[in-house]
Amino acid sequence: MKRSQKSELAERINQAFTLLRKGVPDSQIVDQLMKKFGVSKIQAYRYVQQAKSNKEPMVVPEATIVFTVKLPPSLINRVRSFASFKGISISKVVRVALEDFLAQKDHGQRTEAG
């Protein structure tokens, strides 16, 4: 069984949160989550429990996709080492670096040197 992305998880918990706010009984919420998202009864129940502990809806993060690039081995090794040293994923290192790079003064527009 494939794992849900954080955006899917937040969407499911928010669905339960909305239904709880409307006064829908837990058993009906579980049934609706099972039907809408194709999850097990146990997993749907977990979403309801998480929604009950939330004071407001969760922020739904943007979904991610795999993006393959070709990089020199020396750069890959540096990225891996940095990620390991910081205790974060390689994806996060690359995402933050790209976001920082694109946020520079040209806002992601191609420069003469780029």
Protein backbone atom coordinates (compact mmCIF):
# COMPACT_ATOMS: atom_id res chain seq x y z
CA MET A 1 0.00 0.00 0.00
CA LYS A 2 1.43 3.38 -0.95
CA ARG A 3 1.78 6.08 1.69
CA SER A 4 -0.24 9.26 1.48
CA GLN A 5 1.49 12.52 0.78
CA LYS A 6 1.24 15.17 3.47
CA SER A 7 -1.22 17.09 1.31
CA GLU A 8 -3.52 14.03 1.10
CA LEU A 9 -3.24 13.45 4.83
CA ALA A 10 -4.18 17.06 5.60
CA GLU A 11 -7.10 16.92 3.17
CA ARG A 12 -8.48 13.78 4.83
CA ILE A 13 -8.10 15.13 8.35
CA ASN A 14 -9.69 18.41 7.27
CA GLN A 15 -12.65 16.51 5.81
CA ALA A 16 -13.14 14.80 9.17
CA PHE A 17 -12.69 18.15 10.96
CA THR A 18 -15.41 19.78 8.84
CA LEU A 19 -17.83 16.92 9.42
CA LEU A 20 -17.15 16.96 13.17
CA ARG A 21 -17.92 20.68 13.24
CA LYS A 22 -21.23 19.94 11.53
CA GLY A 23 -22.09 17.46 14.28
CA VAL A 24 -21.88 14.34 12.10
CA PRO A 25 -21.43 11.21 14.28
CA ASP A 26 -17.99 9.58 14.25
CA SER A 27 -19.27 6.36 12.68
CA GLN A 28 -20.76 8.26 9.73
CA ILE A 29 -17.56 10.25 9.27
CA VAL A 30 -15.55 7.02 9.22
CA ASP A 31 -17.90 5.59 6.58
CA GLN A 32 -17.66 8.74 4.46
CA LEU A 33 -13.85 8.82 4.66
CA MET A 34 -13.65 5.15 3.71
CA LYS A 35 -15.89 5.72 0.70
CA LYS A 36 -14.37 9.01 -0.47
CA PHE A 37 -10.69 8.19 0.00
CA GLY A 38 -10.65 4.38 -0.20
CA VAL A 39 -8.99 3.99 3.20
CA SER A 40 -9.46 1.29 5.81
CA LYS A 41 -11.82 1.68 8.76
CA ILE A 42 -8.85 1.87 11.12
CA GLN A 43 -7.18 4.62 9.07
CA ALA A 44 -10.43 6.58 8.76
CA TYR A 45 -10.85 6.35 12.52
CA ARG A 46 -7.31 7.73 12.97
CA TYR A 47 -8.20 10.70 10.77
CA VAL A 48 -11.24 11.39 12.95
CA GLN A 49 -9.15 11.19 16.13
CA GLN A 50 -6.56 13.57 14.69
CA ALA A 51 -9.31 15.98 13.58
CA LYS A 52 -10.75 15.94 17.10
CA SER A 53 -7.40 17.03 18.54
CA ASN A 54 -7.04 19.91 16.07
CA LYS A 55 -8.35 23.35 16.98
CA GLU A 56 -8.57 24.43 13.35
CA PRO A 57 -8.20 22.89 9.89
CA MET A 58 -4.71 21.85 8.85
CA VAL A 59 -2.78 23.79 6.24
CA VAL A 60 -2.68 21.66 3.09
CA PRO A 61 0.89 21.65 1.74
CA GLU A 62 1.55 21.63 -1.96
CA ALA A 63 1.88 18.11 -3.36
CA THR A 64 5.31 17.03 -4.55
CA ILE A 65 6.42 15.18 -7.67
CA VAL A 66 9.63 13.46 -8.65
CA PHE A 67 11.91 15.61 -10.79
CA THR A 68 15.06 14.00 -12.15
CA VAL A 69 18.16 16.01 -12.98
CA LYS A 70 21.66 15.03 -14.02
CA LEU A 71 24.39 16.32 -11.70
CA PRO A 72 28.09 15.57 -11.36
CA PRO A 73 28.91 12.93 -8.75
CA SER A 74 31.02 15.43 -6.77
CA LEU A 75 28.01 17.75 -6.35
CA ILE A 76 25.72 14.85 -5.43
CA ASN A 77 28.22 13.77 -2.77
CA ARG A 78 28.34 17.31 -1.35
CA VAL A 79 24.54 17.49 -1.22
CA ARG A 80 24.32 14.09 0.47
CA SER A 81 26.96 15.05 3.03
CA PHE A 82 25.26 18.37 3.77
CA ALA A 83 21.85 16.71 4.16
CA SER A 84 23.31 14.08 6.48
CA PHE A 85 25.13 16.70 8.55
CA LYS A 86 21.95 18.79 8.92
CA GLY A 87 19.74 15.75 9.49
CA ILE A 88 17.38 16.64 6.64
CA SER A 89 16.43 14.99 3.38
CA ILE A 90 18.27 15.54 0.13
CA SER A 91 14.98 16.73 -1.35
CA LYS A 92 14.69 19.44 1.29
CA VAL A 93 18.27 20.62 0.68
CA VAL A 94 17.63 20.90 -3.05
CA ARG A 95 14.18 22.50 -2.59
CA VAL A 96 15.49 25.18 -0.21
CA ALA A 97 18.51 25.88 -2.41
CA LEU A 98 16.32 26.29 -5.50
CA GLU A 99 13.79 28.44 -3.65
CA ASP A 100 16.59 30.69 -2.37
CA PHE A 101 18.22 30.87 -5.79
CA LEU A 102 14.95 31.74 -7.55
CA ALA A 103 14.02 34.30 -4.89
CA GLN A 104 17.07 36.42 -5.69
CA LYS A 105 16.59 39.81 -7.28
CA ASP A 106 15.54 38.50 -10.71
CA HIS A 107 12.69 36.42 -9.25
CA GLY A 108 13.54 33.36 -11.27
CA GLN A 109 13.93 35.19 -14.56
CA ARG A 110 16.80 34.09 -16.71
CA THR A 111 19.80 36.44 -16.51
CA GLU A 112 22.39 37.12 -19.22
CA ALA A 113 24.83 34.76 -17.51
CA GLY A 114 22.12 32.11 -16.88
